[in-house]
Protein backbone atom coordinates (compact mmCIF):
# COMPACT_ATOMS: atom_id res chain seq x y z
CA MET A 1 96.59 112.13 125.04
CA LYS A 2 95.00 113.18 121.73
CA GLN A 3 96.23 116.63 120.66
CA ILE A 4 97.58 118.16 117.50
CA ILE A 5 101.16 116.95 117.13
CA PRO A 6 103.42 119.97 116.50
CA GLU A 7 106.14 119.85 113.89
CA GLU A 8 109.63 119.40 115.30
CA ALA A 9 110.63 123.02 114.70
CA SER A 10 107.52 124.23 116.52
CA LEU A 11 108.17 121.83 119.40
CA LEU A 12 111.72 123.07 119.84
CA ALA A 13 110.52 126.68 119.70
CA ILE A 14 108.07 125.92 122.52
CA CYS A 15 110.89 124.34 124.55
CA LYS A 16 113.08 127.41 124.08
CA GLN A 17 110.21 129.65 125.18
CA HIS A 18 110.10 127.67 128.42
CA ASP A 19 113.91 127.73 128.66
CA ILE A 20 113.95 123.92 128.47
CA VAL A 21 117.07 121.82 127.76
CA PHE A 22 116.04 119.14 125.24
CA ALA A 23 117.46 116.23 123.24
CA LYS A 24 116.02 114.00 120.53
CA ALA A 25 115.81 110.30 121.41
CA VAL A 26 115.75 107.36 119.03
CA ASP A 27 113.09 105.62 121.13
CA ILE A 28 111.29 106.18 124.44
CA ASP A 29 109.62 103.23 126.14
CA SER A 30 107.08 105.06 128.27
CA HIS A 31 105.59 101.77 129.48
CA LYS A 32 108.47 100.97 131.82
CA LYS A 33 107.74 101.05 135.54
CA SER A 34 110.04 104.02 136.10
CA PHE A 35 107.95 106.14 133.70
CA ILE A 36 104.96 108.13 134.95
CA VAL A 37 102.68 109.10 132.05
CA LEU A 38 100.74 112.31 132.65
CA GLU A 39 97.63 113.68 130.95
CA GLN A 40 98.75 117.22 130.16
CA SER A 41 99.18 119.63 127.28
CA ILE A 42 102.72 120.34 126.10
CA ASP A 43 102.77 123.78 127.74
CA ASP A 44 101.46 122.45 131.04
CA PHE A 45 103.94 119.57 130.96
CA LEU A 46 106.91 121.84 130.35
CA SER A 47 105.81 124.16 133.17
CA PHE A 48 105.46 121.13 135.43
CA LEU A 49 108.97 119.91 134.61
CA LYS A 50 110.50 123.29 135.41
CA SER A 51 108.71 123.32 138.76
CA ILE A 52 110.35 120.04 139.80
CA ASN A 53 113.85 120.82 138.54
CA PHE A 54 114.12 118.13 135.88
CA THR A 55 117.49 117.39 134.22
CA VAL A 56 116.70 117.25 130.49
CA LEU A 57 113.73 116.80 128.17
CA LEU A 58 113.85 113.92 125.69
CA TYR A 59 111.47 113.73 122.76
CA THR A 60 110.81 111.39 119.85
CA TYR A 61 108.32 111.16 117.00
CA TYR A 62 106.81 107.91 115.73
CA PHE A 63 105.71 107.36 112.14
CA HIS A 64 103.89 104.58 110.33
CA ASP A 65 106.34 102.77 108.04
CA VAL A 66 104.90 102.50 104.52
CA ASN A 67 106.90 99.29 104.01
CA ASP A 68 104.76 97.61 106.67
CA TYR A 69 101.69 98.06 104.43
CA LEU A 70 103.03 97.28 100.96
CA ILE A 71 101.72 94.10 99.32
CA SER A 72 104.27 91.62 98.02
CA GLU A 73 103.43 89.58 94.92
CA VAL A 74 104.99 86.64 96.74
CA SER A 75 101.89 86.62 98.96
CA LEU A 76 99.88 85.35 95.99
CA THR A 77 101.79 82.09 96.16
CA THR A 78 102.16 81.86 99.94
CA ASP A 79 98.64 82.80 101.10
CA ASP A 80 96.87 79.73 99.63
CA TYR A 81 95.31 81.43 96.61
CA ASP A 82 94.37 79.15 93.74
CA LEU A 83 96.38 80.82 91.00
CA THR A 84 94.66 78.80 88.27
CA THR A 85 91.38 80.63 88.96
CA LEU A 86 92.84 84.15 89.02
CA ASN A 87 93.73 86.66 86.35
CA LEU A 88 97.29 87.05 87.59
CA GLU A 89 98.20 89.94 85.32
CA ASP A 90 95.16 91.88 86.51
CA ILE A 91 95.89 91.13 90.17
CA LYS A 92 99.56 92.07 89.81
CA GLN A 93 98.59 95.37 88.21
CA LYS A 94 96.19 96.05 91.10
CA ILE A 95 99.00 95.31 93.56
CA CYS A 96 101.31 97.69 91.69
CA ASP A 97 98.67 100.45 91.68
CA TYR A 98 97.91 99.89 95.36
CA ASN A 99 101.59 100.06 96.37
CA THR A 100 102.09 103.19 94.27
CA LYS A 101 99.15 104.82 96.06
CA LEU A 102 100.74 104.03 99.43
CA LYS A 103 104.15 105.35 98.43
CA ASN A 104 102.59 108.60 97.23
CA ASP A 105 100.53 109.10 100.39
CA SER A 106 102.14 112.06 102.13
CA ARG A 107 100.47 111.14 105.43
CA PHE A 108 103.21 108.59 106.05
CA LYS A 109 105.43 111.62 106.67
CA ASP A 110 103.11 112.74 109.47
CA PRO A 111 103.84 111.41 112.98
CA TYR A 112 101.09 109.52 114.75
CA LEU A 113 102.71 109.80 118.19
CA LEU A 114 104.98 112.23 120.01
CA VAL A 115 106.48 111.24 123.35
CA LEU A 116 108.01 113.87 125.64
CA CYS A 117 109.97 112.62 128.62
CA GLY A 118 111.42 114.66 131.46
CA MET A 119 114.42 112.89 132.96
CA MET A 120 114.77 113.20 136.74
CA GLU A 121 117.41 112.21 139.24
CA TYR A 122 117.51 108.56 140.31
CA GLY A 123 116.04 107.47 136.97
CA ARG A 124 112.48 108.70 137.58
CA CYS A 125 110.80 109.97 134.40
CA PHE A 126 107.62 111.96 133.71
CA CYS A 127 106.11 111.63 130.25
CA ILE A 128 103.27 112.75 128.07
CA GLU A 129 102.13 111.04 124.88
CA ILE A 130 100.61 113.19 122.13
CA THR A 131 98.64 111.06 119.68
CA ASP A 132 97.04 112.04 116.39
CA ASP A 133 96.88 108.81 114.40
CA TRP A 134 95.71 109.43 110.84
CA MET A 135 95.71 105.66 110.24
CA LYS A 136 92.72 105.13 112.56
CA SER A 137 89.30 106.77 112.66
CA ILE A 138 85.86 106.04 114.06
CA ASP A 139 82.94 105.49 111.69
CA GLU A 140 79.28 106.36 112.28
CA SER A 141 78.64 103.05 114.05
CA GLY A 142 81.48 103.66 116.50
CA GLU A 143 83.77 101.06 114.91
CA THR A 144 87.47 101.70 114.37
CA VAL A 145 88.39 101.83 110.69
CA TYR A 146 91.87 101.98 109.20
CA ALA A 147 93.18 104.02 106.29
CA TYR A 148 95.11 100.94 105.15
CA GLU A 149 94.63 97.29 106.02
CA GLU A 150 97.36 94.81 106.87
CA PRO A 151 98.97 93.55 103.60
CA SER A 152 97.32 90.12 103.75
CA ASP A 153 93.88 91.68 104.26
CA ALA A 154 94.48 94.29 101.57
CA LEU A 155 95.51 91.58 99.10
CA HIS A 156 92.36 89.61 99.91
CA LEU A 157 90.27 92.69 99.04
CA LEU A 158 92.13 93.12 95.76
CA VAL A 159 91.53 89.50 94.79
CA TYR A 160 87.91 89.46 96.03
CA PRO A 161 86.59 93.07 95.94
CA SER A 162 83.20 92.08 97.39
CA GLU A 163 81.72 89.43 99.68
CA GLU A 164 79.86 88.04 96.68
CA ASP A 165 83.15 87.55 94.81
CA TYR A 166 84.60 85.65 97.76
CA LEU A 167 81.52 83.46 98.23
CA LYS A 168 81.51 82.67 94.52
CA HIS A 169 85.17 81.67 94.78
CA GLU A 170 84.42 79.46 97.80
CA ASP A 171 81.59 77.73 95.92
CA GLU A 172 83.86 77.15 92.93
CA GLN A 173 86.61 75.78 95.14
CA LEU A 174 84.17 73.43 96.91
CA ALA A 175 82.81 72.17 93.59
CA LEU A 176 86.37 71.65 92.30
CA ALA A 177 87.38 69.77 95.47
CA ILE A 178 84.33 67.49 95.20
CA GLU A 179 85.10 66.83 91.53
CA LYS A 180 88.73 65.97 92.30
CA GLU A 181 87.69 63.67 95.14
CA GLU A 182 85.13 61.83 93.01
CA LYS A 183 87.65 61.38 90.20
CA LEU A 184 90.20 60.00 92.67
CA LYS A 185 87.70 57.56 94.23
CA LYS A 186 86.78 56.24 90.79
CA GLU A 187 90.42 55.79 89.81
CA ILE A 188 91.27 54.00 93.07
CA PHE A 189 88.28 51.66 92.81
CA GLU A 190 88.95 50.75 89.18
CA PHE A 191 92.65 50.22 89.86
CA LEU A 192 92.08 47.97 92.88
CA VAL A 193 89.46 45.70 91.38
CA ARG A 194 91.77 45.08 88.39
CA ASP A 195 94.94 44.57 90.45
CA PRO A 196 95.77 40.84 90.85
CA LYS A 197 97.77 41.64 94.02
CA PHE A 198 94.66 43.16 95.57
CA ARG A 199 92.41 40.23 94.62
CA ILE A 200 94.46 37.76 96.65
CA CYS A 201 94.29 39.84 99.85
CA THR A 202 91.74 37.54 101.42
CA ASN A 203 92.34 38.51 105.03
CA ALA A 204 92.81 41.74 107.00
CA SER A 205 96.54 41.16 107.53
CA LEU A 206 97.22 40.80 103.79
CA ARG A 207 95.12 43.88 103.02
CA SER A 208 97.01 45.90 105.64
CA GLN A 209 100.33 44.87 104.06
CA TYR A 210 98.92 45.73 100.63
CA ALA A 211 97.83 49.18 101.81
CA THR A 212 101.26 49.85 103.31
CA SER A 213 103.08 48.81 100.13
CA PHE A 214 100.65 50.90 98.05
CA VAL A 215 102.79 53.92 98.92
CA VAL A 216 105.75 52.34 97.11
CA TYR A 217 104.25 51.04 93.88
CA GLN A 218 101.51 53.64 93.30
CA PRO A 219 103.22 56.94 94.21
CA THR A 220 101.14 58.99 91.73
CA ILE A 221 97.81 57.97 93.26
CA VAL A 222 99.26 58.30 96.77
CA GLN A 223 100.38 61.86 96.01
CA ARG A 224 96.82 62.78 95.03
CA ILE A 225 95.48 61.15 98.19
CA LEU A 226 98.02 63.18 100.17
CA GLU A 227 96.86 66.42 98.51
CA LEU A 228 93.20 65.78 99.32
CA TYR A 229 93.69 64.30 102.79
CA PRO A 230 96.95 65.80 104.11
CA ASN A 231 96.22 65.04 107.78
CA ASN A 232 95.15 61.40 107.49
CA TRP A 233 96.30 60.19 104.08
CA ARG A 234 97.81 56.91 105.35
CA ARG A 235 94.58 56.02 107.14
CA LYS A 236 92.65 56.91 103.96
CA ILE A 237 94.67 54.40 101.95
CA HIS A 238 93.77 51.62 104.41
CA TYR A 239 90.16 52.82 104.38
CA PHE A 240 89.97 52.65 100.58
CA VAL A 241 91.54 49.18 100.49
CA GLU A 242 89.09 47.77 103.04
CA SER A 243 86.05 49.53 101.56
CA VAL A 244 86.80 48.47 98.00
CA TRP A 245 87.46 44.91 99.20
CA ARG A 246 83.97 44.70 100.72
CA LEU A 247 82.45 46.02 97.52
CA TYR A 248 84.53 43.68 95.38
CA LYS A 249 83.52 40.64 97.46
CA ALA A 250 79.89 41.71 97.07
CA GLY A 251 80.31 41.51 93.28
CA GLU A 252 80.83 45.19 92.53
CA THR A 253 83.39 45.62 89.75
CA LYS A 254 82.10 48.75 88.01
CA TYR A 255 82.09 52.19 89.53
CA ASN A 256 78.63 53.73 89.97
CA ASP A 257 76.79 56.34 92.04
CA GLY A 258 76.12 53.85 94.83
CA ILE A 259 79.82 53.11 95.20
CA LYS A 260 80.63 56.83 95.00
CA ASN A 261 78.39 57.52 98.00
CA ILE A 262 79.89 54.63 100.00
CA LEU A 263 83.52 55.57 99.39
């Protein structure tokens, strides 16, 4: 139930006014079957408890933990960012400023939830939940907005402040991936057509053996194939061997745009 959450001293004063026995709990799981959650104000709830001869009132406050929202610089290396395209010093300074802002936000000292629980005989419990979550609000369109995003989302906004920045990055990454792939295709083609071991692979069985052994004697090229095609890199090696063989048998020994489009 959304109400103003009283400070602890005010809550205890209210309890004393109602002559209520109370105790602070570390945690109250009001979603258990034995708990009955009521929609009442604090005063009404306390009056209700007295009318049914409860045993003791338990209460606990819940706070947002600032540590759950801080951005770790480690995320830059674990969240698949291309560090070669970023101004790392600038991003790290933005992370530092962002974390400082969070640590200085006094709202983290304000509870977002207060649970009051009246303990009864035989384990039956009556509760009310007082919510006043400063972290969430509703904008003009009726959407829920948050004072702070999850760390991964917040980092994304620091790296790419606008949608245009992100789309530009995606275009650059796509162009870079295409460039790397074309360079790799050219290197594989030129290597194979010059390799005497490849030239004698005149049947499918020999070419299959050649493709399998390629992993052993060309680890550098294989590593680049693995980086570009992590899910099917072995199949790609066999594909390149067969495709280049057909081109080689057709008299193609120099890499050109036609070969690029085929491979």
